[in-house]
């Protein structure tokens, strides 16, 4: 009799364990399905370019080429420059585009020379310069500072561009350079989900010529190789703290991941202030 009781008890215990295992499997399956739906939603959102500057920036004018971005971004970069560059300095604005930032610099007391591949599109006097070629000898002058804003990602050889910039700087001259951050928070998430960096895909390649994604690590290496000392650096996030678009909302939600990521985790755009260190 006792053997029968033990057998029945063992059967009940096994049945109970099987039931518990079944419910655990069901619970995990439900969670996995929910996570899968979330990933599909995020992946769909990333294919709509929510991690680009679109949908977050208030476009300043109709610049063609060069820096075409928000009033807020231009104001941020201007204050960044004014922290390091005295009034009256002679500045070369490379990749000036429509000349918006050149005009802003002049309004703030700088002596500005604009240069671009398409000078006819510039609203001001502008040198014709091909930044994919050796252009320093063509310009033939040294400057107190060079601004190269949202340009290097359009260039075939970014190291060659930096070498030419160095030739055009006076000893101790300053280089201000910015570009989309391929290792920023949004770009990391987009690359994980789609295999593409933020602001670098077939559309931006074809329409605005974003051909060279650059990470924070790459940029610091290239600047150091060209003997320009990084004296300041800022990261810019074009999204609003109050969401106005789906892109803004997704970016705000994704900010919780930032402390979990290794290395320098920037935002959409990284900007550097550098000083030429050799004669």
Foldseek 3Di string as FASTA:
>chain_A
DVVVVVVVVVVVVVVVVVVVVVVVVVVVVVVVVVVVVVLVVVLVVVVVLLQALPQQWDWDDDFAWADTTHPVVLVVVVVVCPVPDDAAWEEEEERCTQVPSVVVNVVVRYRYAYEHCCQVNHPDHYHHDDLQDQCLVVVPAATLEYEREQHLLLYPDSLSSLLSNLSRHDAFHKYKYKHWACQAQSQVVNCVSPVGGRCDDPVNCPPRRRHHHDHPVRVVVSCVVSQWAWPDKDADASADPDHPDPSNVVVNVSVVCVVVDDDDHGGTMMMTMTTRNDD
